[in-house]
Amino acid sequence: LEYRMVPLLISLVRIGDELTAAALT
């Protein structure tokens, strides 16, 4: 669970920020 979920959560947080910035751009 640690090897799968921790990288997933970190990646999703980063992608969420990128998508928000892309929408504003």
PDB file of all heavy atoms in Angstrom:
ATOM      1  N   LEU A   1       0.832  -1.203   0.000  1.00  0.00           N
ATOM      2  CA  LEU A   1       0.000   0.000   0.000  1.00  0.00           C
ATOM      3  C   LEU A   1       0.866   1.252   0.000  1.00  0.00           C
ATOM      4  O   LEU A   1       0.564   2.237  -0.684  1.00  0.00           O
ATOM      5  CB  LEU A   1      -0.920  -0.013   1.221  1.00  0.00           C
ATOM      6  CG  LEU A   1      -1.911   1.147   1.346  1.00  0.00           C
ATOM      7  CD1 LEU A   1      -2.920   1.101   0.211  1.00  0.00           C
ATOM      8  CD2 LEU A   1      -2.626   1.089   2.692  1.00  0.00           C
ATOM      9  N   GLU A   2       1.950   1.202   0.756  1.00  0.00           N
ATOM     10  CA  GLU A   2       2.854   2.351   0.806  1.00  0.00           C
ATOM     11  C   GLU A   2       3.522   2.595  -0.533  1.00  0.00           C
ATOM     12  O   GLU A   2       3.639   3.737  -0.996  1.00  0.00           O
ATOM     13  CB  GLU A   2       3.913   2.119   1.885  1.00  0.00           C
ATOM     14  CG  GLU A   2       4.935   3.233   1.991  1.00  0.00           C
ATOM     15  CD  GLU A   2       5.998   2.933   3.016  1.00  0.00           C
ATOM     16  OE1 GLU A   2       5.866   1.901   3.721  1.00  0.00           O
ATOM     17  OE2 GLU A   2       6.964   3.708   3.114  1.00  0.00           O
ATOM     18  N   TYR A   3       3.964   1.546  -1.181  1.00  0.00           N
ATOM     19  CA  TYR A   3       4.652   1.698  -2.464  1.00  0.00           C
ATOM     20  C   TYR A   3       3.710   2.166  -3.567  1.00  0.00           C
ATOM     21  O   TYR A   3       4.164   2.753  -4.556  1.00  0.00           O
ATOM     22  CB  TYR A   3       5.309   0.380  -2.872  1.00  0.00           C
ATOM     23  CG  TYR A   3       6.533   0.042  -2.077  1.00  0.00           C
ATOM     24  CD1 TYR A   3       6.692  -1.219  -1.498  1.00  0.00           C
ATOM     25  CD2 TYR A   3       7.543   0.979  -1.887  1.00  0.00           C
ATOM     26  CE1 TYR A   3       7.825  -1.533  -0.768  1.00  0.00           C
ATOM     27  CE2 TYR A   3       8.679   0.672  -1.165  1.00  0.00           C
ATOM     28  CZ  TYR A   3       8.812  -0.587  -0.602  1.00  0.00           C
ATOM     29  OH  TYR A   3       9.934  -0.886   0.126  1.00  0.00           O
ATOM     30  N   ARG A   4       2.424   1.868  -3.444  1.00  0.00           N
ATOM     31  CA  ARG A   4       1.477   2.254  -4.484  1.00  0.00           C
ATOM     32  C   ARG A   4       0.791   3.586  -4.171  1.00  0.00           C
ATOM     33  O   ARG A   4       0.702   4.462  -5.038  1.00  0.00           O
ATOM     34  CB  ARG A   4       0.412   1.160  -4.647  1.00  0.00           C
ATOM     35  CG  ARG A   4       0.924  -0.145  -5.185  1.00  0.00           C
ATOM     36  CD  ARG A   4       1.280  -0.056  -6.660  1.00  0.00           C
ATOM     37  NE  ARG A   4       1.766  -1.327  -7.175  1.00  0.00           N
ATOM     38  CZ  ARG A   4       0.982  -2.267  -7.692  1.00  0.00           C
ATOM     39  NH1 ARG A   4      -0.316  -2.065  -7.764  1.00  0.00           N
ATOM     40  NH2 ARG A   4       1.506  -3.384  -8.152  1.00  0.00           N
ATOM     41  N   MET A   5       0.276   3.745  -2.954  1.00  0.00           N
ATOM     42  CA  MET A   5      -0.578   4.889  -2.651  1.00  0.00           C
ATOM     43  C   MET A   5       0.204   6.166  -2.392  1.00  0.00           C
ATOM     44  O   MET A   5      -0.230   7.252  -2.797  1.00  0.00           O
ATOM     45  CB  MET A   5      -1.463   4.565  -1.436  1.00  0.00           C
ATOM     46  CG  MET A   5      -2.438   3.431  -1.679  1.00  0.00           C
ATOM     47  SD  MET A   5      -3.468   3.679  -3.158  1.00  0.00           S
ATOM     48  CE  MET A   5      -4.323   5.189  -2.701  1.00  0.00           C
ATOM     49  N   VAL A   6       1.337   6.072  -1.713  1.00  0.00           N
ATOM     50  CA  VAL A   6       2.108   7.287  -1.419  1.00  0.00           C
ATOM     51  C   VAL A   6       2.588   7.964  -2.700  1.00  0.00           C
ATOM     52  O   VAL A   6       2.389   9.176  -2.878  1.00  0.00           O
ATOM     53  CB  VAL A   6       3.277   6.966  -0.472  1.00  0.00           C
ATOM     54  CG1 VAL A   6       4.190   8.184  -0.322  1.00  0.00           C
ATOM     55  CG2 VAL A   6       2.755   6.530   0.891  1.00  0.00           C
ATOM     56  N   PRO A   7       3.204   7.240  -3.650  1.00  0.00           N
ATOM     57  CA  PRO A   7       3.560   7.911  -4.914  1.00  0.00           C
ATOM     58  C   PRO A   7       2.348   8.440  -5.669  1.00  0.00           C
ATOM     59  O   PRO A   7       2.423   9.497  -6.312  1.00  0.00           O
ATOM     60  CB  PRO A   7       4.271   6.814  -5.714  1.00  0.00           C
ATOM     61  CG  PRO A   7       4.725   5.835  -4.694  1.00  0.00           C
ATOM     62  CD  PRO A   7       3.695   5.853  -3.621  1.00  0.00           C
ATOM     63  N   LEU A   8       1.234   7.706  -5.596  1.00  0.00           N
ATOM     64  CA  LEU A   8       0.030   8.156  -6.296  1.00  0.00           C
ATOM     65  C   LEU A   8      -0.481   9.473  -5.726  1.00  0.00           C
ATOM     66  O   LEU A   8      -0.808  10.405  -6.477  1.00  0.00           O
ATOM     67  CB  LEU A   8      -1.050   7.086  -6.213  1.00  0.00           C
ATOM     68  CG  LEU A   8      -2.398   7.442  -6.858  1.00  0.00           C
ATOM     69  CD1 LEU A   8      -2.231   7.645  -8.361  1.00  0.00           C
ATOM     70  CD2 LEU A   8      -3.428   6.351  -6.575  1.00  0.00           C
ATOM     71  N   LEU A   9      -0.560   9.566  -4.395  1.00  0.00           N
ATOM     72  CA  LEU A   9      -1.053  10.793  -3.776  1.00  0.00           C
ATOM     73  C   LEU A   9      -0.144  11.982  -4.066  1.00  0.00           C
ATOM     74  O   LEU A   9      -0.614  13.084  -4.362  1.00  0.00           O
ATOM     75  CB  LEU A   9      -1.192  10.585  -2.258  1.00  0.00           C
ATOM     76  CG  LEU A   9      -2.265   9.579  -1.822  1.00  0.00           C
ATOM     77  CD1 LEU A   9      -2.239   9.399  -0.312  1.00  0.00           C
ATOM     78  CD2 LEU A   9      -3.637  10.024  -2.280  1.00  0.00           C
ATOM     79  N   ILE A  10       1.166  11.761  -3.986  1.00  0.00           N
ATOM     80  CA  ILE A  10       2.109  12.841  -4.283  1.00  0.00           C
ATOM     81  C   ILE A  10       1.975  13.292  -5.736  1.00  0.00           C
ATOM     82  O   ILE A  10       1.969  14.502  -6.039  1.00  0.00           O
ATOM     83  CB  ILE A  10       3.548  12.396  -3.976  1.00  0.00           C
ATOM     84  CG1 ILE A  10       3.717  12.133  -2.480  1.00  0.00           C
ATOM     85  CG2 ILE A  10       4.556  13.442  -4.450  1.00  0.00           C
ATOM     86  CD1 ILE A  10       5.066  11.578  -2.098  1.00  0.00           C
ATOM     87  N   SER A  11       1.839  12.345  -6.643  1.00  0.00           N
ATOM     88  CA  SER A  11       1.705  12.674  -8.057  1.00  0.00           C
ATOM     89  C   SER A  11       0.400  13.413  -8.332  1.00  0.00           C
ATOM     90  O   SER A  11       0.373  14.361  -9.120  1.00  0.00           O
ATOM     91  CB  SER A  11       1.773  11.400  -8.896  1.00  0.00           C
ATOM     92  OG  SER A  11       1.615  11.678 -10.262  1.00  0.00           O
ATOM     93  N   LEU A  12      -0.692  13.001  -7.675  1.00  0.00           N
ATOM     94  CA  LEU A  12      -1.980  13.647  -7.910  1.00  0.00           C
ATOM     95  C   LEU A  12      -1.997  15.077  -7.385  1.00  0.00           C
ATOM     96  O   LEU A  12      -2.630  15.959  -7.989  1.00  0.00           O
ATOM     97  CB  LEU A  12      -3.100  12.823  -7.266  1.00  0.00           C
ATOM     98  CG  LEU A  12      -3.379  11.463  -7.889  1.00  0.00           C
ATOM     99  CD1 LEU A  12      -4.520  10.767  -7.172  1.00  0.00           C
ATOM    100  CD2 LEU A  12      -3.693  11.597  -9.377  1.00  0.00           C
ATOM    101  N   VAL A  13      -1.329  15.325  -6.281  1.00  0.00           N
ATOM    102  CA  VAL A  13      -1.244  16.698  -5.769  1.00  0.00           C
ATOM    103  C   VAL A  13      -0.523  17.591  -6.770  1.00  0.00           C
ATOM    104  O   VAL A  13      -0.947  18.723  -7.061  1.00  0.00           O
ATOM    105  CB  VAL A  13      -0.543  16.715  -4.402  1.00  0.00           C
ATOM    106  CG1 VAL A  13      -0.237  18.147  -3.982  1.00  0.00           C
ATOM    107  CG2 VAL A  13      -1.417  16.044  -3.354  1.00  0.00           C
ATOM    108  N   ARG A  14       0.570  17.092  -7.309  1.00  0.00           N
ATOM    109  CA  ARG A  14       1.328  17.870  -8.301  1.00  0.00           C
ATOM    110  C   ARG A  14       0.505  18.103  -9.566  1.00  0.00           C
ATOM    111  O   ARG A  14       0.469  19.207 -10.100  1.00  0.00           O
ATOM    112  CB  ARG A  14       2.616  17.133  -8.643  1.00  0.00           C
ATOM    113  CG  ARG A  14       3.432  17.782  -9.751  1.00  0.00           C
ATOM    114  CD  ARG A  14       4.691  16.975 -10.037  1.00  0.00           C
ATOM    115  NE  ARG A  14       4.384  15.574 -10.305  1.00  0.00           N
ATOM    116  CZ  ARG A  14       3.977  15.115 -11.481  1.00  0.00           C
ATOM    117  NH1 ARG A  14       3.808  15.968 -12.498  1.00  0.00           N
ATOM    118  NH2 ARG A  14       3.748  13.831 -11.660  1.00  0.00           N
ATOM    119  N   ILE A  15      -0.182  17.061 -10.032  1.00  0.00           N
ATOM    120  CA  ILE A  15      -0.980  17.187 -11.251  1.00  0.00           C
ATOM    121  C   ILE A  15      -2.148  18.142 -11.036  1.00  0.00           C
ATOM    122  O   ILE A  15      -2.501  18.922 -11.933  1.00  0.00           O
ATOM    123  CB  ILE A  15      -1.471  15.804 -11.700  1.00  0.00           C
ATOM    124  CG1 ILE A  15      -0.286  14.956 -12.165  1.00  0.00           C
ATOM    125  CG2 ILE A  15      -2.498  15.917 -12.819  1.00  0.00           C
ATOM    126  CD1 ILE A  15      -0.640  13.545 -12.496  1.00  0.00           C
ATOM    127  N   GLY A  16      -2.747  18.108  -9.853  1.00  0.00           N
ATOM    128  CA  GLY A  16      -3.831  19.038  -9.568  1.00  0.00           C
ATOM    129  C   GLY A  16      -3.387  20.484  -9.655  1.00  0.00           C
ATOM    130  O   GLY A  16      -4.092  21.337 -10.215  1.00  0.00           O
ATOM    131  N   ASP A  17      -2.212  20.777  -9.117  1.00  0.00           N
ATOM    132  CA  ASP A  17      -1.674  22.142  -9.218  1.00  0.00           C
ATOM    133  C   ASP A  17      -1.398  22.515 -10.669  1.00  0.00           C
ATOM    134  O   ASP A  17      -1.674  23.647 -11.096  1.00  0.00           O
ATOM    135  CB  ASP A  17      -0.393  22.253  -8.386  1.00  0.00           C
ATOM    136  CG  ASP A  17      -0.656  22.118  -6.896  1.00  0.00           C
ATOM    137  OD1 ASP A  17      -1.803  22.370  -6.482  1.00  0.00           O
ATOM    138  OD2 ASP A  17       0.283  21.737  -6.157  1.00  0.00           O
ATOM    139  N   GLU A  18      -0.857  21.584 -11.439  1.00  0.00           N
ATOM    140  CA  GLU A  18      -0.560  21.868 -12.840  1.00  0.00           C
ATOM    141  C   GLU A  18      -1.831  22.105 -13.650  1.00  0.00           C
ATOM    142  O   GLU A  18      -1.877  22.997 -14.506  1.00  0.00           O
ATOM    143  CB  GLU A  18       0.238  20.716 -13.443  1.00  0.00           C
ATOM    144  CG  GLU A  18       1.647  20.579 -12.874  1.00  0.00           C
ATOM    145  CD  GLU A  18       2.381  19.392 -13.464  1.00  0.00           C
ATOM    146  OE1 GLU A  18       1.745  18.623 -14.221  1.00  0.00           O
ATOM    147  OE2 GLU A  18       3.582  19.235 -13.180  1.00  0.00           O
ATOM    148  N   LEU A  19      -2.873  21.319 -13.395  1.00  0.00           N
ATOM    149  CA  LEU A  19      -4.121  21.501 -14.127  1.00  0.00           C
ATOM    150  C   LEU A  19      -4.778  22.824 -13.787  1.00  0.00           C
ATOM    151  O   LEU A  19      -5.361  23.489 -14.650  1.00  0.00           O
ATOM    152  CB  LEU A  19      -5.073  20.334 -13.830  1.00  0.00           C
ATOM    153  CG  LEU A  19      -4.689  18.967 -14.396  1.00  0.00           C
ATOM    154  CD1 LEU A  19      -5.672  17.916 -13.954  1.00  0.00           C
ATOM    155  CD2 LEU A  19      -4.628  19.029 -15.920  1.00  0.00           C
ATOM    156  N   THR A  20      -4.705  23.224 -12.522  1.00  0.00           N
ATOM    157  CA  THR A  20      -5.261  24.521 -12.132  1.00  0.00           C
ATOM    158  C   THR A  20      -4.521  25.653 -12.820  1.00  0.00           C
ATOM    159  O   THR A  20      -5.136  26.600 -13.345  1.00  0.00           O
ATOM    160  CB  THR A  20      -5.182  24.686 -10.610  1.00  0.00           C
ATOM    161  OG1 THR A  20      -5.874  23.597  -9.984  1.00  0.00           O
ATOM    162  CG2 THR A  20      -5.820  25.990 -10.179  1.00  0.00           C
ATOM    163  N   ALA A  21      -3.186  25.576 -12.837  1.00  0.00           N
ATOM    164  CA  ALA A  21      -2.397  26.609 -13.515  1.00  0.00           C
ATOM    165  C   ALA A  21      -2.688  26.623 -15.014  1.00  0.00           C
ATOM    166  O   ALA A  21      -2.758  27.697 -15.637  1.00  0.00           O
ATOM    167  CB  ALA A  21      -0.915  26.375 -13.258  1.00  0.00           C
ATOM    168  N   ALA A  22      -2.880  25.445 -15.610  1.00  0.00           N
ATOM    169  CA  ALA A  22      -3.184  25.378 -17.040  1.00  0.00           C
ATOM    170  C   ALA A  22      -4.539  25.998 -17.350  1.00  0.00           C
ATOM    171  O   ALA A  22      -4.705  26.691 -18.365  1.00  0.00           O
ATOM    172  CB  ALA A  22      -3.149  23.933 -17.514  1.00  0.00           C
ATOM    173  N   ALA A  23      -5.518  25.774 -16.474  1.00  0.00           N
ATOM    174  CA  ALA A  23      -6.842  26.362 -16.686  1.00  0.00           C
ATOM    175  C   ALA A  23      -6.787  27.880 -16.624  1.00  0.00           C
ATOM    176  O   ALA A  23      -7.420  28.575 -17.428  1.00  0.00           O
ATOM    177  CB  ALA A  23      -7.825  25.816 -15.656  1.00  0.00           C
ATOM    178  N   LEU A  24      -6.043  28.409 -15.672  1.00  0.00           N
ATOM    179  CA  LEU A  24      -5.913  29.863 -15.563  1.00  0.00           C
ATOM    180  C   LEU A  24      -5.131  30.435 -16.727  1.00  0.00           C
ATOM    181  O   LEU A  24      -5.415  31.535 -17.216  1.00  0.00           O
ATOM    182  CB  LEU A  24      -5.247  30.223 -14.233  1.00  0.00           C
ATOM    183  CG  LEU A  24      -6.036  29.847 -12.970  1.00  0.00           C
ATOM    184  CD1 LEU A  24      -5.229  30.177 -11.720  1.00  0.00           C
ATOM    185  CD2 LEU A  24      -7.388  30.553 -12.939  1.00  0.00           C
ATOM    186  N   THR A  25      -4.129  29.686 -17.206  1.00  0.00           N
ATOM    187  CA  THR A  25      -3.336  30.146 -18.345  1.00  0.00           C
ATOM    188  C   THR A  25      -4.180  30.219 -19.613  1.00  0.00           C
ATOM    189  O   THR A  25      -3.974  31.101 -20.464  1.00  0.00           O
ATOM    190  CB  THR A  25      -2.143  29.201 -18.572  1.00  0.00           C
ATOM    191  OG1 THR A  25      -1.369  29.139 -17.375  1.00  0.00           O
ATOM    192  CG2 THR A  25      -1.265  29.683 -19.712  1.00  0.00           C
TER     193      THR A  25
END
